[in-house]
């Protein structure tokens, strides 16, 4: 990852990225395939998922968001 950023390799790597509508999720970081270069995450790839896989990912992402919101209430 560091080499990809420092040397602008623009490599396809799995990384935790802020989703902004990808996979039907917003404002949550999830590990997804992305192009990583000197500008950080340059592109997020949306894999073709089955309905069950997409539902599972969305359930996990939304659960994570709700847990984080609960933690931040007590900050």
C-alpha atoms as a PDB file:
ATOM      1  CA  UNK A   1       0.000   0.000   0.000  1.00  0.00           C
ATOM      2  CA  UNK A   2       2.751   2.428   0.952  1.00  0.00           C
ATOM      3  CA  UNK A   3       4.620   1.711  -2.286  1.00  0.00           C
ATOM      4  CA  UNK A   4       1.466   2.306  -4.309  1.00  0.00           C
ATOM      5  CA  UNK A   5       0.942   5.709  -2.677  1.00  0.00           C
ATOM      6  CA  UNK A   6       4.574   6.851  -2.495  1.00  0.00           C
ATOM      7  CA  UNK A   7       5.433   5.776  -6.049  1.00  0.00           C
ATOM      8  CA  UNK A   8       2.009   6.464  -7.560  1.00  0.00           C
ATOM      9  CA  UNK A   9       1.742   2.850  -8.728  1.00  0.00           C
ATOM     10  CA  UNK A  10      -2.053   3.088  -9.010  1.00  0.00           C
ATOM     11  CA  UNK A  11      -2.416  -0.558  -8.013  1.00  0.00           C
ATOM     12  CA  UNK A  12      -5.643  -2.453  -7.532  1.00  0.00           C
ATOM     13  CA  UNK A  13      -5.667  -3.352  -3.835  1.00  0.00           C
ATOM     14  CA  UNK A  14      -8.228  -4.196  -1.170  1.00  0.00           C
ATOM     15  CA  UNK A  15      -8.518  -1.336   1.307  1.00  0.00           C
ATOM     16  CA  UNK A  16     -10.949   0.138   3.774  1.00  0.00           C
ATOM     17  CA  UNK A  17     -12.576   2.972   1.833  1.00  0.00           C
ATOM     18  CA  UNK A  18     -15.264   5.540   2.586  1.00  0.00           C
ATOM     19  CA  UNK A  19     -18.275   4.490   0.567  1.00  0.00           C
ATOM     20  CA  UNK A  20     -20.407   7.201  -0.988  1.00  0.00           C
ATOM     21  CA  UNK A  21     -23.203   5.194  -2.538  1.00  0.00           C
ATOM     22  CA  UNK A  22     -21.201   2.181  -3.681  1.00  0.00           C
ATOM     23  CA  UNK A  23     -22.901  -1.081  -2.780  1.00  0.00           C
ATOM     24  CA  UNK A  24     -25.866   0.981  -1.557  1.00  0.00           C
ATOM     25  CA  UNK A  25     -23.881   2.274   1.449  1.00  0.00           C
ATOM     26  CA  UNK A  26     -22.989   5.824   2.509  1.00  0.00           C
ATOM     27  CA  UNK A  27     -20.687   7.272   5.159  1.00  0.00           C
ATOM     28  CA  UNK A  28     -19.127   3.969   6.187  1.00  0.00           C
ATOM     29  CA  UNK A  29     -15.656   2.527   5.679  1.00  0.00           C
ATOM     30  CA  UNK A  30     -15.655  -1.005   4.258  1.00  0.00           C
ATOM     31  CA  UNK A  31     -12.882  -3.112   2.745  1.00  0.00           C
ATOM     32  CA  UNK A  32     -13.368  -3.019  -1.023  1.00  0.00           C
ATOM     33  CA  UNK A  33     -11.153  -3.264  -4.122  1.00  0.00           C
ATOM     34  CA  UNK A  34      -9.783   0.133  -5.117  1.00  0.00           C
ATOM     35  CA  UNK A  35      -7.081   1.855  -7.125  1.00  0.00           C
ATOM     36  CA  UNK A  36      -4.553   3.314  -4.705  1.00  0.00           C
ATOM     37  CA  UNK A  37      -2.110   5.957  -5.920  1.00  0.00           C
ATOM     38  CA  UNK A  38      -0.413   9.162  -4.822  1.00  0.00           C
ATOM     39  CA  UNK A  39      -3.828  10.780  -4.332  1.00  0.00           C
ATOM     40  CA  UNK A  40      -4.938   7.979  -2.020  1.00  0.00           C
ATOM     41  CA  UNK A  41      -8.041   6.071  -3.073  1.00  0.00           C
ATOM     42  CA  UNK A  42      -8.512   7.079  -6.697  1.00  0.00           C
ATOM     43  CA  UNK A  43     -11.306   4.702  -7.691  1.00  0.00           C
ATOM     44  CA  UNK A  44     -13.520   2.177  -5.946  1.00  0.00           C
ATOM     45  CA  UNK A  45     -14.575  -0.922  -7.837  1.00  0.00           C
ATOM     46  CA  UNK A  46     -18.004  -2.392  -7.279  1.00  0.00           C
ATOM     47  CA  UNK A  47     -17.933  -6.142  -7.646  1.00  0.00           C
ATOM     48  CA  UNK A  48     -20.964  -7.936  -9.017  1.00  0.00           C
ATOM     49  CA  UNK A  49     -22.500  -9.527  -5.943  1.00  0.00           C
ATOM     50  CA  UNK A  50     -25.396 -11.904  -5.637  1.00  0.00           C
ATOM     51  CA  UNK A  51     -28.467 -10.564  -3.841  1.00  0.00           C
ATOM     52  CA  UNK A  52     -27.497 -12.527  -0.716  1.00  0.00           C
ATOM     53  CA  UNK A  53     -23.919 -11.216  -0.782  1.00  0.00           C
ATOM     54  CA  UNK A  54     -25.065  -7.616  -1.268  1.00  0.00           C
ATOM     55  CA  UNK A  55     -27.618  -7.951   1.512  1.00  0.00           C
ATOM     56  CA  UNK A  56     -24.951  -9.363   3.830  1.00  0.00           C
ATOM     57  CA  UNK A  57     -22.539  -6.518   3.017  1.00  0.00           C
ATOM     58  CA  UNK A  58     -25.233  -3.879   3.536  1.00  0.00           C
ATOM     59  CA  UNK A  59     -26.329  -5.485   6.816  1.00  0.00           C
ATOM     60  CA  UNK A  60     -22.734  -5.487   8.063  1.00  0.00           C
ATOM     61  CA  UNK A  61     -22.095  -1.910   6.953  1.00  0.00           C
ATOM     62  CA  UNK A  62     -25.275  -0.596   8.531  1.00  0.00           C
ATOM     63  CA  UNK A  63     -24.608  -2.516  11.760  1.00  0.00           C
ATOM     64  CA  UNK A  64     -21.110  -1.024  11.915  1.00  0.00           C
ATOM     65  CA  UNK A  65     -22.518   2.479  11.352  1.00  0.00           C
ATOM     66  CA  UNK A  66     -25.081   2.059  14.135  1.00  0.00           C
ATOM     67  CA  UNK A  67     -22.461   0.728  16.563  1.00  0.00           C
ATOM     68  CA  UNK A  68     -20.117   3.607  15.765  1.00  0.00           C
ATOM     69  CA  UNK A  69     -22.957   6.117  16.241  1.00  0.00           C
ATOM     70  CA  UNK A  70     -23.626   4.619  19.687  1.00  0.00           C
ATOM     71  CA  UNK A  71     -19.950   4.916  20.646  1.00  0.00           C
ATOM     72  CA  UNK A  72     -19.767   8.528  19.460  1.00  0.00           C
ATOM     73  CA  UNK A  73     -22.764   9.443  21.641  1.00  0.00           C
ATOM     74  CA  UNK A  74     -20.584   8.811  24.690  1.00  0.00           C
ATOM     75  CA  UNK A  75     -17.508  10.590  23.386  1.00  0.00           C
END
